[in-house]
N, C-alpha and C. Protein backbone atom coordinates (compact mmCIF):
# COMPACT_ATOMS: atom_id res chain seq x y z
N UNK A 1 -11.55 41.21 5.27
CA UNK A 1 -11.33 39.49 4.62
C UNK A 1 -10.80 39.70 3.67
N UNK A 2 -10.42 38.92 2.72
CA UNK A 2 -10.37 38.25 1.17
C UNK A 2 -10.98 37.23 0.73
N UNK A 3 -11.60 37.79 -0.58
CA UNK A 3 -12.23 36.36 -0.77
C UNK A 3 -11.74 35.82 -1.72
N UNK A 4 -11.24 34.47 -2.05
CA UNK A 4 -10.58 34.11 -3.23
C UNK A 4 -11.99 33.40 -3.76
N UNK A 5 -11.01 32.48 -4.91
CA UNK A 5 -12.39 31.71 -6.05
C UNK A 5 -11.70 30.15 -5.24
N UNK A 6 -12.46 29.02 -5.13
CA UNK A 6 -12.07 28.52 -5.11
C UNK A 6 -12.58 27.21 -4.69
N UNK A 7 -12.17 25.93 -6.00
CA UNK A 7 -12.76 24.72 -6.32
C UNK A 7 -12.63 23.50 -5.95
N UNK A 8 -12.77 23.10 -6.07
CA UNK A 8 -12.73 21.73 -6.31
C UNK A 8 -12.78 20.48 -7.56
N UNK A 9 -12.41 19.70 -7.93
CA UNK A 9 -12.03 19.21 -9.30
C UNK A 9 -11.67 17.41 -8.84
N UNK A 10 -13.07 16.41 -9.06
CA UNK A 10 -12.99 15.39 -8.36
C UNK A 10 -12.90 14.78 -10.38
N UNK A 11 -11.19 14.08 -10.01
CA UNK A 11 -10.87 13.55 -11.41
C UNK A 11 -9.64 12.61 -11.48
N UNK A 12 -10.23 12.06 -12.40
CA UNK A 12 -9.09 10.56 -12.74
C UNK A 12 -9.55 10.68 -14.18
N UNK A 13 -8.74 9.59 -15.53
CA UNK A 13 -8.43 10.09 -15.87
C UNK A 13 -9.41 10.33 -17.38
N UNK A 14 -10.74 9.83 -17.00
CA UNK A 14 -11.43 9.95 -18.26
C UNK A 14 -12.59 10.90 -17.61
N UNK A 15 -12.40 11.47 -16.77
CA UNK A 15 -13.84 12.73 -16.58
C UNK A 15 -12.95 13.02 -15.10
N UNK A 16 -13.47 14.53 -14.87
CA UNK A 16 -13.05 15.91 -14.35
C UNK A 16 -14.40 16.43 -14.25
N UNK A 17 -14.55 16.74 -13.06
CA UNK A 17 -16.10 16.86 -12.15
C UNK A 17 -15.64 18.60 -11.63
N UNK A 18 -15.90 19.45 -12.15
CA UNK A 18 -15.74 20.79 -11.80
C UNK A 18 -16.57 21.38 -10.66
N UNK A 19 -16.04 22.13 -9.50
CA UNK A 19 -17.63 22.26 -8.79
C UNK A 19 -16.67 23.65 -8.01
N UNK A 20 -17.20 24.57 -8.31
CA UNK A 20 -16.92 25.52 -8.04
C UNK A 20 -18.07 25.31 -6.69
N UNK A 21 -16.54 26.65 -5.56
CA UNK A 21 -17.72 26.43 -3.83
C UNK A 21 -17.96 27.37 -4.53
N UNK A 22 -19.50 27.56 -4.48
CA UNK A 22 -20.30 28.91 -4.38
C UNK A 22 -21.41 28.98 -3.34
N UNK A 23 -22.43 29.49 -3.35
CA UNK A 23 -23.69 29.12 -2.96
C UNK A 23 -24.71 30.10 -4.32
N UNK A 24 -25.63 29.51 -5.35
CA UNK A 24 -24.91 27.37 -4.96
C UNK A 24 -23.68 27.48 -5.91
N UNK A 25 -23.96 25.86 -5.20
CA UNK A 25 -22.55 25.38 -6.20
C UNK A 25 -22.74 25.02 -7.09
N UNK A 26 -21.58 25.26 -8.60
CA UNK A 26 -21.97 25.66 -9.83
C UNK A 26 -20.97 23.58 -10.45
N UNK A 27 -21.21 23.68 -11.11
CA UNK A 27 -20.17 22.70 -11.35
C UNK A 27 -20.30 21.89 -12.86
N UNK A 28 -19.37 21.38 -13.61
CA UNK A 28 -19.13 21.10 -14.84
C UNK A 28 -18.35 20.28 -14.61
N UNK A 29 -18.76 18.85 -15.88
CA UNK A 29 -17.86 18.10 -15.92
C UNK A 29 -16.82 17.98 -17.73
N UNK A 30 -16.04 17.96 -17.42
CA UNK A 30 -15.08 17.69 -18.67
C UNK A 30 -14.74 16.58 -19.16
N UNK A 31 -15.01 15.31 -20.20
CA UNK A 31 -14.37 14.24 -20.29
C UNK A 31 -12.61 14.01 -21.37
N UNK A 32 -11.94 13.31 -20.91
CA UNK A 32 -11.16 13.14 -21.88
C UNK A 32 -12.02 12.36 -23.43
N UNK A 33 -11.15 12.77 -24.61
CA UNK A 33 -11.51 12.56 -25.59
C UNK A 33 -11.06 10.92 -25.57
N UNK A 34 -10.22 10.12 -24.78
CA UNK A 34 -9.37 8.53 -24.42
C UNK A 34 -10.48 7.86 -23.93
N UNK A 35 -11.21 6.64 -24.19
CA UNK A 35 -11.89 5.74 -23.93
C UNK A 35 -11.46 4.20 -23.93
N UNK A 36 -11.99 3.73 -23.74
CA UNK A 36 -11.35 1.94 -23.46
C UNK A 36 -11.67 1.73 -24.68
N UNK A 37 -13.30 1.84 -25.31
CA UNK A 37 -13.38 1.30 -26.98
C UNK A 37 -12.22 2.02 -28.38
N UNK A 38 -11.31 3.31 -27.50
CA UNK A 38 -11.08 4.00 -28.89
C UNK A 38 -9.74 3.54 -28.64
N UNK A 39 -9.28 2.91 -27.06
CA UNK A 39 -7.46 2.47 -27.24
C UNK A 39 -7.47 1.67 -27.41
N UNK A 40 -8.93 0.88 -27.21
CA UNK A 40 -9.32 -1.34 -28.10
C UNK A 40 -8.32 -0.79 -29.32
N UNK A 41 -9.10 -0.31 -30.16
CA UNK A 41 -9.45 -0.10 -31.16
C UNK A 41 -7.50 -0.10 -31.69
N UNK A 42 -7.04 0.86 -31.46
CA UNK A 42 -6.01 1.34 -31.43
C UNK A 42 -5.27 0.72 -31.18
N UNK A 43 -4.57 0.01 -30.27
CA UNK A 43 -4.85 -1.19 -29.60
C UNK A 43 -4.12 -2.01 -31.00
N UNK A 44 -5.28 -2.70 -31.67
CA UNK A 44 -5.15 -3.55 -31.83
C UNK A 44 -4.77 -2.56 -33.87
N UNK A 45 -3.94 -1.89 -33.72
CA UNK A 45 -3.37 -1.11 -34.64
C UNK A 45 -2.22 -1.05 -34.85
N UNK A 46 -1.73 -0.86 -33.75
CA UNK A 46 0.46 -0.64 -32.88
C UNK A 46 0.09 -0.06 -31.80
N UNK A 47 1.05 -0.70 -31.15
CA UNK A 47 1.17 -0.31 -29.60
C UNK A 47 1.41 1.17 -29.24
N UNK A 48 2.83 1.02 -30.28
CA UNK A 48 2.81 2.56 -30.03
C UNK A 48 2.53 4.07 -30.83
N UNK A 49 1.83 3.82 -32.18
CA UNK A 49 0.14 4.29 -31.99
C UNK A 49 -0.85 5.28 -30.31
N UNK A 50 -1.15 3.38 -30.43
CA UNK A 50 -1.81 4.03 -28.86
C UNK A 50 -1.23 4.65 -28.39
N UNK A 51 0.05 4.69 -27.96
CA UNK A 51 1.24 5.32 -27.09
C UNK A 51 0.87 6.62 -27.61
N UNK A 52 1.00 6.95 -28.39
CA UNK A 52 1.71 8.61 -28.62
C UNK A 52 0.03 9.51 -28.85
N UNK A 53 -1.19 8.30 -29.26
CA UNK A 53 -2.57 8.69 -28.91
C UNK A 53 -2.31 9.14 -27.51
N UNK A 54 -2.97 8.61 -26.47
CA UNK A 54 -3.24 8.52 -25.72
C UNK A 54 -2.60 9.71 -24.61
N UNK A 55 -1.26 10.09 -25.34
CA UNK A 55 -0.41 10.72 -24.60
C UNK A 55 -1.16 12.42 -24.62
N UNK A 56 -1.73 12.73 -26.50
CA UNK A 56 -2.16 13.55 -27.23
C UNK A 56 -3.27 14.36 -26.41
N UNK A 57 -4.06 12.78 -25.81
CA UNK A 57 -5.69 13.43 -25.07
C UNK A 57 -5.08 13.72 -23.94
N UNK A 58 -4.07 12.81 -23.73
CA UNK A 58 -4.76 13.06 -22.22
C UNK A 58 -3.57 14.65 -21.66
N UNK A 59 -2.57 15.41 -21.99
CA UNK A 59 -2.08 16.05 -22.56
C UNK A 59 -3.30 16.89 -23.01
N UNK A 60 -4.27 17.12 -24.23
CA UNK A 60 -5.47 17.86 -24.63
C UNK A 60 -6.18 18.20 -23.31
N UNK A 61 -6.39 17.47 -22.85
CA UNK A 61 -7.53 16.89 -21.44
C UNK A 61 -7.14 17.91 -20.29
N UNK A 62 -5.71 17.60 -20.03
CA UNK A 62 -5.01 18.16 -18.73
C UNK A 62 -4.90 19.41 -19.26
N UNK A 63 -4.33 20.52 -20.56
CA UNK A 63 -4.74 21.64 -20.70
C UNK A 63 -6.21 22.78 -20.84
N UNK A 64 -6.59 21.13 -20.82
CA UNK A 64 -8.60 21.91 -20.54
C UNK A 64 -8.89 22.55 -19.14
N UNK A 65 -8.13 21.22 -18.52
CA UNK A 65 -8.92 21.68 -17.24
C UNK A 65 -8.16 22.93 -17.06
N UNK A 66 -6.53 22.71 -16.54
CA UNK A 66 -5.63 24.13 -16.39
C UNK A 66 -6.16 24.90 -16.94
N UNK A 67 -7.30 25.56 -18.44
CA UNK A 67 -7.34 26.86 -18.51
C UNK A 67 -8.78 27.16 -17.64
N UNK A 68 -9.15 26.12 -17.68
CA UNK A 68 -10.50 26.18 -16.45
C UNK A 68 -9.70 27.14 -15.05
N UNK A 69 -9.18 26.51 -14.14
CA UNK A 69 -7.97 27.01 -13.11
C UNK A 69 -7.56 28.12 -13.13
N UNK A 70 -7.45 28.48 -14.21
CA UNK A 70 -6.41 29.38 -13.88
C UNK A 70 -7.37 31.32 -13.82
N UNK A 71 -8.25 31.05 -13.11
CA UNK A 71 -9.53 31.66 -13.29
C UNK A 71 -8.93 32.35 -11.00
N UNK A 72 -8.64 31.10 -10.47
CA UNK A 72 -9.17 30.50 -8.94
C UNK A 72 -7.86 30.93 -8.35
N UNK A 73 -8.08 30.52 -6.95
CA UNK A 73 -6.98 31.26 -6.28
C UNK A 73 -7.05 30.08 -4.97
N UNK A 74 -7.26 29.10 -4.96
CA UNK A 74 -7.36 27.75 -4.20
C UNK A 74 -8.48 26.74 -5.10
N UNK A 75 -7.33 25.44 -5.72
CA UNK A 75 -7.95 24.43 -6.08
C UNK A 75 -7.77 23.30 -4.76
N UNK A 76 -8.60 22.57 -5.31
CA UNK A 76 -8.10 21.19 -4.33
C UNK A 76 -9.11 19.92 -5.65
N UNK A 77 -7.83 19.73 -5.58
CA UNK A 77 -7.59 18.75 -6.75
C UNK A 77 -7.83 16.88 -6.20
N UNK A 78 -9.13 15.80 -6.15
CA UNK A 78 -9.40 14.70 -5.19
C UNK A 78 -9.45 14.00 -6.23
N UNK A 79 -9.44 12.81 -5.81
CA UNK A 79 -10.97 11.70 -6.94
C UNK A 79 -9.63 10.71 -6.33
N UNK A 80 -9.99 9.61 -7.97
CA UNK A 80 -9.37 7.90 -6.66
C UNK A 80 -8.41 7.26 -7.40
N UNK A 81 -7.88 8.03 -8.88
CA UNK A 81 -6.19 7.89 -9.54
C UNK A 81 -4.79 8.67 -9.21
N UNK A 82 -4.04 8.58 -10.23
CA UNK A 82 -3.05 9.56 -10.08
C UNK A 82 -3.15 10.48 -11.18
N UNK A 83 -4.65 10.59 -11.77
CA UNK A 83 -4.29 11.46 -12.66
C UNK A 83 -4.30 12.94 -11.88
N UNK A 84 -4.85 13.08 -10.42
CA UNK A 84 -4.81 14.53 -10.10
C UNK A 84 -2.71 15.03 -9.93
N UNK A 85 -2.24 13.79 -9.20
CA UNK A 85 -0.44 14.43 -8.51
C UNK A 85 -0.25 14.50 -10.30
N UNK A 86 -0.71 13.44 -11.55
CA UNK A 86 -0.21 14.44 -12.76
C UNK A 86 -0.95 15.21 -13.26
N UNK A 87 -1.77 15.84 -13.09
CA UNK A 87 -2.28 17.03 -13.71
C UNK A 87 -1.01 17.95 -12.75
N UNK A 88 -0.85 18.01 -11.45
CA UNK A 88 -0.22 18.88 -10.52
C UNK A 88 0.98 19.16 -11.14
N UNK A 89 1.66 18.42 -11.15
CA UNK A 89 2.89 17.71 -11.76
C UNK A 89 2.99 18.43 -12.78
N UNK A 90 1.87 18.70 -14.06
CA UNK A 90 1.83 19.99 -14.55
C UNK A 90 2.21 21.32 -14.42
N UNK A 91 0.52 21.76 -13.74
CA UNK A 91 0.70 22.69 -13.05
C UNK A 91 2.19 23.73 -12.45
N UNK A 92 2.64 23.09 -11.73
CA UNK A 92 3.28 23.26 -11.20
C UNK A 92 4.75 23.32 -11.80
N UNK A 93 4.80 23.44 -12.96
CA UNK A 93 5.88 23.09 -14.01
C UNK A 93 5.44 24.90 -15.10
N UNK A 94 4.14 25.24 -14.59
CA UNK A 94 4.30 26.03 -14.93
C UNK A 94 3.73 27.02 -13.96
N UNK A 95 4.85 28.32 -14.82
CA UNK A 95 4.71 30.21 -13.98
C UNK A 95 3.35 30.53 -13.56
N UNK A 96 2.41 29.89 -14.06
CA UNK A 96 1.19 30.36 -15.19
C UNK A 96 0.48 30.46 -13.37
N UNK A 97 1.08 29.37 -13.06
CA UNK A 97 -0.17 28.81 -12.33
C UNK A 97 0.35 28.34 -10.30
N UNK A 98 1.60 30.04 -10.58
CA UNK A 98 2.36 29.48 -9.07
C UNK A 98 1.89 30.00 -7.91
N UNK A 99 0.60 31.10 -7.84
CA UNK A 99 -0.53 32.07 -6.80
C UNK A 99 -1.33 31.38 -6.69
N UNK A 100 -1.62 30.01 -7.07
CA UNK A 100 -2.25 29.74 -7.21
C UNK A 100 -2.32 28.17 -6.10
N UNK A 101 -2.80 28.61 -4.75
CA UNK A 101 -2.48 27.60 -4.18
C UNK A 101 -3.44 26.36 -4.62
N UNK A 102 -2.68 24.47 -4.04
CA UNK A 102 -2.92 23.32 -4.53
C UNK A 102 -3.21 22.75 -3.17
N UNK A 103 -4.31 21.58 -3.39
CA UNK A 103 -4.18 21.14 -2.44
C UNK A 103 -4.57 19.01 -3.64
N UNK A 104 -4.14 18.30 -2.41
CA UNK A 104 -4.25 16.85 -3.48
C UNK A 104 -4.79 15.92 -2.31
N UNK A 105 -6.33 15.13 -2.95
CA UNK A 105 -6.06 14.26 -1.38
C UNK A 105 -7.02 13.05 -1.95
N UNK A 106 -6.66 12.03 -1.50
CA UNK A 106 -7.22 10.73 -2.18
C UNK A 106 -8.18 10.75 -1.91
N UNK A 107 -9.21 10.32 -3.38
CA UNK A 107 -11.36 10.39 -2.67
C UNK A 107 -11.29 8.92 -3.87
N UNK A 108 -12.55 8.56 -3.49
CA UNK A 108 -13.36 7.24 -3.85
C UNK A 108 -14.64 6.97 -4.92
N UNK A 109 -14.24 6.87 -6.12
CA UNK A 109 -15.67 7.49 -6.29
C UNK A 109 -16.84 7.87 -5.66
N UNK A 110 -17.53 8.59 -5.95
CA UNK A 110 -18.39 10.10 -5.72
C UNK A 110 -19.68 10.33 -6.66
N UNK A 111 -20.98 10.18 -5.80
CA UNK A 111 -22.14 11.31 -6.57
C UNK A 111 -21.71 12.13 -6.34
N UNK A 112 -22.75 13.52 -7.53
CA UNK A 112 -22.39 15.01 -7.78
C UNK A 112 -22.86 15.60 -6.19
N UNK A 113 -24.08 14.90 -5.63
CA UNK A 113 -23.90 15.19 -3.78
C UNK A 113 -23.11 15.51 -3.52
N UNK A 114 -22.22 13.66 -2.93
CA UNK A 114 -21.44 14.03 -2.21
C UNK A 114 -19.65 14.97 -2.71
N UNK A 115 -19.52 15.13 -3.86
CA UNK A 115 -19.25 15.93 -3.66
C UNK A 115 -19.25 17.20 -3.72
N UNK A 116 -19.72 17.09 -4.37
CA UNK A 116 -20.13 18.92 -3.42
C UNK A 116 -19.58 19.14 -2.33
N UNK A 117 -20.22 18.00 -1.42
CA UNK A 117 -20.51 18.24 0.52
C UNK A 117 -19.61 17.92 0.71
N UNK A 118 -17.60 17.16 -0.39
CA UNK A 118 -16.56 16.49 -0.03
C UNK A 118 -15.68 18.23 -0.42
N UNK A 119 -16.55 18.86 -1.53
CA UNK A 119 -15.50 20.90 -1.72
C UNK A 119 -15.83 21.05 -0.28
N UNK A 120 -17.52 21.53 -0.39
CA UNK A 120 -18.46 22.11 0.81
C UNK A 120 -17.50 22.47 2.09
N UNK A 121 -17.18 21.55 2.68
CA UNK A 121 -16.49 21.09 3.94
C UNK A 121 -15.14 21.22 4.22
N UNK A 122 -14.74 20.77 3.00
CA UNK A 122 -13.73 20.85 2.82
C UNK A 122 -13.11 22.98 2.73
N UNK A 123 -13.17 23.05 2.09
CA UNK A 123 -12.82 25.03 2.29
C UNK A 123 -13.54 24.96 3.33
N UNK A 124 -14.46 24.93 3.70
CA UNK A 124 -15.28 25.17 5.71
C UNK A 124 -14.58 25.03 6.51
N UNK A 125 -13.13 23.57 7.13
CA UNK A 125 -12.10 23.16 7.58
C UNK A 125 -10.77 24.20 7.16
N UNK A 126 -10.32 24.21 6.13
CA UNK A 126 -9.33 25.33 5.63
C UNK A 126 -9.24 27.16 5.59
N UNK A 127 -10.65 27.30 5.66
CA UNK A 127 -10.38 28.65 5.97
C UNK A 127 -9.18 30.27 6.40
N UNK A 128 -8.22 29.11 7.01
CA UNK A 128 -7.41 29.85 7.41
C UNK A 128 -5.66 29.40 6.69
N UNK A 129 -5.80 28.68 5.80
CA UNK A 129 -5.34 28.46 4.61
C UNK A 129 -4.99 29.16 3.69
N UNK A 130 -6.66 30.63 3.70
CA UNK A 130 -6.66 30.93 2.15
C UNK A 130 -6.59 32.36 2.53
N UNK A 131 -6.16 32.68 4.21
CA UNK A 131 -5.41 34.88 3.89
C UNK A 131 -4.31 34.09 4.19
N UNK A 132 -3.75 35.33 3.40
CA UNK A 132 -2.70 36.10 2.99
C UNK A 132 -1.74 36.12 3.89
């Protein structure tokens, strides 16, 4: 049987919790540079400037997550916002990610323990999806 590298990512537009499905489970948190306070300050200057800055910061955030994903075979993207779908669209347009199996699921805000259980249960129940 082939061993695959599996990763779960709970994410919204501000944070990505990257959870490696291993024993013990390993987590890493990535944070977007775009914050509410930063948006508020920029909005006072100009809406166009804010939009451009948001797009740049969001792009950098997604690039950072994408670099981390590259070493995995199967990735579960889950969370409460559309950030997971936006990231998936970027990854699907990039040929470097064509061999990675992606799954997207809606999920609420969770504690770290709940995120780990969600990832563990998902990959436990989707073993058949991982076979070549």
